Amino acid sequence: MTLKLSTRQEQLLQSLRAAKAELSGQDLHALLRSSSTPMGLATVYRHLRQLQQWGLVRCRHLPSGEALFAPTERDDHHLTCVDCGSTQRLPHCPVHDLAVPTGELQGFLPLFHTLEFYGLCAACQQRQGRPPIPTGGQPPV
């Protein structure tokens, strides 16, 4: 099946591909507002949802509730602090080659995956007076 993207969907996808980092719907709206074919915020979100349903765009939600979008070919995963919201990109995907056994899919069509770790960054741990976690070790119980 070949997807036929609308001009606006293609414009959104190209904007995400050109960005160095994930973008929120608001960021995309602001970026496209100054283009030759601006679109409303509701239209941005509607097209992002369609692109996500087609497996071309992924979305991740920050602890603040903000949704960030990126093209699925950018296999980025993150460590996110639930206190200050800082995010650190993982250098590689630890589950890239992991596959769900076909027998367990029950007709489900996987389009993309996300992997997020939520916790406390070093600065928030220190501010909260938590003991430091040894590198490569497990958090204290």
C-alpha atoms as a PDB file:
ATOM      1  CA  MET A   1       0.000   0.000   0.000  1.00  0.00           C
ATOM      2  CA  THR A   2       1.373   3.375  -1.012  1.00  0.00           C
ATOM      3  CA  LEU A   3       0.287   6.350   1.052  1.00  0.00           C
ATOM      4  CA  LYS A   4      -0.633   9.530  -0.734  1.00  0.00           C
ATOM      5  CA  LEU A   5       0.179  12.371   1.642  1.00  0.00           C
ATOM      6  CA  SER A   6      -1.502  15.718   1.263  1.00  0.00           C
ATOM      7  CA  THR A   7       0.663  18.769   0.712  1.00  0.00           C
ATOM      8  CA  ARG A   8       0.139  19.799   4.331  1.00  0.00           C
ATOM      9  CA  GLN A   9       0.989  16.347   5.684  1.00  0.00           C
ATOM     10  CA  GLU A  10       4.142  16.303   3.579  1.00  0.00           C
ATOM     11  CA  GLN A  11       4.981  19.804   4.865  1.00  0.00           C
ATOM     12  CA  LEU A  12       4.600  18.653   8.492  1.00  0.00           C
ATOM     13  CA  LEU A  13       6.664  15.529   7.923  1.00  0.00           C
ATOM     14  CA  GLN A  14       9.446  17.474   6.201  1.00  0.00           C
ATOM     15  CA  SER A  15       9.488  20.002   9.060  1.00  0.00           C
ATOM     16  CA  LEU A  16       9.865  17.190  11.593  1.00  0.00           C
ATOM     17  CA  ARG A  17      12.618  15.549   9.541  1.00  0.00           C
ATOM     18  CA  ALA A  18      14.513  18.845   9.256  1.00  0.00           C
ATOM     19  CA  ALA A  19      14.304  19.570  12.988  1.00  0.00           C
ATOM     20  CA  LYS A  20      17.258  18.570  15.129  1.00  0.00           C
ATOM     21  CA  ALA A  21      14.969  17.580  18.017  1.00  0.00           C
ATOM     22  CA  GLU A  22      11.377  16.586  18.674  1.00  0.00           C
ATOM     23  CA  LEU A  23       8.797  19.327  18.252  1.00  0.00           C
ATOM     24  CA  SER A  24       5.512  20.007  19.971  1.00  0.00           C
ATOM     25  CA  GLY A  25       2.386  20.738  17.970  1.00  0.00           C
ATOM     26  CA  GLN A  26       2.721  24.359  19.097  1.00  0.00           C
ATOM     27  CA  ASP A  27       6.335  24.452  17.830  1.00  0.00           C
ATOM     28  CA  LEU A  28       5.259  23.077  14.463  1.00  0.00           C
ATOM     29  CA  HIS A  29       2.378  25.517  14.264  1.00  0.00           C
ATOM     30  CA  ALA A  30       4.709  28.448  14.963  1.00  0.00           C
ATOM     31  CA  LEU A  31       7.245  27.160  12.423  1.00  0.00           C
ATOM     32  CA  LEU A  32       4.619  26.750   9.718  1.00  0.00           C
ATOM     33  CA  ARG A  33       2.833  30.010  10.491  1.00  0.00           C
ATOM     34  CA  SER A  34       5.575  31.881   8.650  1.00  0.00           C
ATOM     35  CA  SER A  35       5.592  29.488   5.663  1.00  0.00           C
ATOM     36  CA  SER A  36       3.888  30.030   2.317  1.00  0.00           C
ATOM     37  CA  THR A  37       1.113  27.617   3.362  1.00  0.00           C
ATOM     38  CA  PRO A  38       0.326  28.269   7.035  1.00  0.00           C
ATOM     39  CA  MET A  39      -2.144  26.022   8.829  1.00  0.00           C
ATOM     40  CA  GLY A  40      -4.174  26.320  11.993  1.00  0.00           C
ATOM     41  CA  LEU A  41      -3.222  24.584  15.207  1.00  0.00           C
ATOM     42  CA  ALA A  42      -6.152  22.141  15.011  1.00  0.00           C
ATOM     43  CA  THR A  43      -5.078  21.202  11.467  1.00  0.00           C
ATOM     44  CA  VAL A  44      -1.494  20.602  12.665  1.00  0.00           C
ATOM     45  CA  TYR A  45      -2.710  18.212  15.370  1.00  0.00           C
ATOM     46  CA  ARG A  46      -5.169  16.463  13.030  1.00  0.00           C
ATOM     47  CA  HIS A  47      -2.421  15.790  10.472  1.00  0.00           C
ATOM     48  CA  LEU A  48       0.049  14.713  13.173  1.00  0.00           C
ATOM     49  CA  ARG A  49      -2.486  12.155  14.389  1.00  0.00           C
ATOM     50  CA  GLN A  50      -2.986  10.810  10.857  1.00  0.00           C
ATOM     51  CA  LEU A  51       0.782  10.617  10.288  1.00  0.00           C
ATOM     52  CA  GLN A  52       1.103   8.774  13.587  1.00  0.00           C
ATOM     53  CA  GLN A  53      -1.649   6.314  12.581  1.00  0.00           C
ATOM     54  CA  TRP A  54       0.247   5.615   9.352  1.00  0.00           C
ATOM     55  CA  GLY A  55       3.488   4.923  11.252  1.00  0.00           C
ATOM     56  CA  LEU A  56       5.337   7.984   9.935  1.00  0.00           C
ATOM     57  CA  VAL A  57       5.382  10.040  13.144  1.00  0.00           C
ATOM     58  CA  ARG A  58       5.773   9.025  16.779  1.00  0.00           C
ATOM     59  CA  CYS A  59       4.665  10.935  19.832  1.00  0.00           C
ATOM     60  CA  ARG A  60       6.020  10.913  23.363  1.00  0.00           C
ATOM     61  CA  HIS A  61       4.500  12.616  26.374  1.00  0.00           C
ATOM     62  CA  LEU A  62       6.543  14.480  28.949  1.00  0.00           C
ATOM     63  CA  PRO A  63       5.600  14.386  32.648  1.00  0.00           C
ATOM     64  CA  SER A  64       4.190  17.907  32.144  1.00  0.00           C
ATOM     65  CA  GLY A  65       1.682  16.470  29.652  1.00  0.00           C
ATOM     66  CA  GLU A  66       3.332  18.105  26.644  1.00  0.00           C
ATOM     67  CA  ALA A  67       3.402  15.892  23.543  1.00  0.00           C
ATOM     68  CA  LEU A  68       6.516  15.891  21.355  1.00  0.00           C
ATOM     69  CA  PHE A  69       6.597  14.551  17.808  1.00  0.00           C
ATOM     70  CA  ALA A  70       9.356  13.133  15.608  1.00  0.00           C
ATOM     71  CA  PRO A  71       9.542  11.051  12.438  1.00  0.00           C
ATOM     72  CA  THR A  72       9.637   7.323  13.212  1.00  0.00           C
ATOM     73  CA  GLU A  73      12.856   6.828  11.253  1.00  0.00           C
ATOM     74  CA  ARG A  74      14.565   8.780  14.043  1.00  0.00           C
ATOM     75  CA  ASP A  75      14.798   5.990  16.634  1.00  0.00           C
ATOM     76  CA  ASP A  76      15.364   8.222  19.680  1.00  0.00           C
ATOM     77  CA  HIS A  77      14.658   7.183  23.251  1.00  0.00           C
ATOM     78  CA  HIS A  78      15.084   9.167  26.445  1.00  0.00           C
ATOM     79  CA  LEU A  79      15.716   9.403  30.159  1.00  0.00           C
ATOM     80  CA  THR A  80      13.280  11.964  31.546  1.00  0.00           C
ATOM     81  CA  CYS A  81      13.342  13.537  34.997  1.00  0.00           C
ATOM     82  CA  VAL A  82       9.890  13.574  36.606  1.00  0.00           C
ATOM     83  CA  ASP A  83      10.917  16.499  38.819  1.00  0.00           C
ATOM     84  CA  CYS A  84      12.530  19.129  36.588  1.00  0.00           C
ATOM     85  CA  GLY A  85      11.488  17.657  33.227  1.00  0.00           C
ATOM     86  CA  SER A  86      15.003  17.508  31.788  1.00  0.00           C
ATOM     87  CA  THR A  87      15.450  14.927  29.069  1.00  0.00           C
ATOM     88  CA  GLN A  88      18.557  13.069  28.025  1.00  0.00           C
ATOM     89  CA  ARG A  89      18.636  11.169  24.732  1.00  0.00           C
ATOM     90  CA  LEU A  90      19.919   7.592  24.898  1.00  0.00           C
ATOM     91  CA  PRO A  91      22.835   7.015  22.489  1.00  0.00           C
ATOM     92  CA  HIS A  92      21.190   3.897  21.041  1.00  0.00           C
ATOM     93  CA  CYS A  93      17.935   1.968  21.245  1.00  0.00           C
ATOM     94  CA  PRO A  94      18.331  -0.905  23.732  1.00  0.00           C
ATOM     95  CA  VAL A  95      15.327  -2.770  22.267  1.00  0.00           C
ATOM     96  CA  HIS A  96      15.822  -2.059  18.547  1.00  0.00           C
ATOM     97  CA  ASP A  97      15.968  -5.718  17.547  1.00  0.00           C
ATOM     98  CA  LEU A  98      13.256  -6.860  19.955  1.00  0.00           C
ATOM     99  CA  ALA A  99      10.185  -8.250  18.208  1.00  0.00           C
ATOM    100  CA  VAL A 100       6.823  -9.380  19.497  1.00  0.00           C
ATOM    101  CA  PRO A 101       6.323 -13.051  18.553  1.00  0.00           C
ATOM    102  CA  THR A 102       3.924 -13.280  15.619  1.00  0.00           C
ATOM    103  CA  GLY A 103       1.582 -15.585  17.538  1.00  0.00           C
ATOM    104  CA  GLU A 104       1.071 -12.910  20.206  1.00  0.00           C
ATOM    105  CA  LEU A 105       0.169 -10.119  17.774  1.00  0.00           C
ATOM    106  CA  GLN A 106      -3.381 -11.413  17.193  1.00  0.00           C
ATOM    107  CA  GLY A 107      -3.830  -9.280  14.085  1.00  0.00           C
ATOM    108  CA  PHE A 108      -2.138  -6.207  15.606  1.00  0.00           C
ATOM    109  CA  LEU A 109       0.060  -4.256  13.143  1.00  0.00           C
ATOM    110  CA  PRO A 110       3.100  -2.715  14.899  1.00  0.00           C
ATOM    111  CA  LEU A 111       4.042   0.646  13.342  1.00  0.00           C
ATOM    112  CA  PHE A 112       6.746   1.952  15.695  1.00  0.00           C
ATOM    113  CA  HIS A 113       7.897   1.723  19.290  1.00  0.00           C
ATOM    114  CA  THR A 114       8.900   4.124  22.011  1.00  0.00           C
ATOM    115  CA  LEU A 115      11.011   3.498  25.062  1.00  0.00           C
ATOM    116  CA  GLU A 116      11.093   6.015  27.874  1.00  0.00           C
ATOM    117  CA  PHE A 117      12.690   5.833  31.286  1.00  0.00           C
ATOM    118  CA  TYR A 118      11.301   8.192  33.918  1.00  0.00           C
ATOM    119  CA  GLY A 119      13.144   8.978  37.120  1.00  0.00           C
ATOM    120  CA  LEU A 120      15.248  11.658  38.771  1.00  0.00           C
ATOM    121  CA  CYS A 121      18.232  13.372  37.189  1.00  0.00           C
ATOM    122  CA  ALA A 122      21.436  13.767  39.216  1.00  0.00           C
ATOM    123  CA  ALA A 123      20.713  17.429  40.034  1.00  0.00           C
ATOM    124  CA  CYS A 124      17.217  16.657  41.386  1.00  0.00           C
ATOM    125  CA  GLN A 125      18.545  13.711  43.389  1.00  0.00           C
ATOM    126  CA  GLN A 126      21.139  15.989  44.958  1.00  0.00           C
ATOM    127  CA  ARG A 127      18.600  18.757  45.623  1.00  0.00           C
ATOM    128  CA  GLN A 128      16.302  16.216  47.302  1.00  0.00           C
ATOM    129  CA  GLY A 129      19.151  14.841  49.409  1.00  0.00           C
ATOM    130  CA  ARG A 130      18.994  11.362  47.906  1.00  0.00           C
ATOM    131  CA  PRO A 131      22.125   9.205  48.044  1.00  0.00           C
ATOM    132  CA  PRO A 132      23.903   9.055  44.658  1.00  0.00           C
ATOM    133  CA  ILE A 133      23.436   5.943  42.534  1.00  0.00           C
ATOM    134  CA  PRO A 134      26.759   4.295  41.683  1.00  0.00           C
ATOM    135  CA  THR A 135      27.503   4.260  37.959  1.00  0.00           C
ATOM    136  CA  GLY A 136      26.317   0.982  36.470  1.00  0.00           C
ATOM    137  CA  GLY A 137      24.653   0.058  39.763  1.00  0.00           C
ATOM    138  CA  GLN A 138      21.093  -0.256  40.874  1.00  0.00           C
ATOM    139  CA  PRO A 139      19.274   2.443  42.823  1.00  0.00           C
ATOM    140  CA  PRO A 140      19.378   2.046  46.604  1.00  0.00           C
ATOM    141  CA  VAL A 141      16.277   0.380  48.052  1.00  0.00           C
END
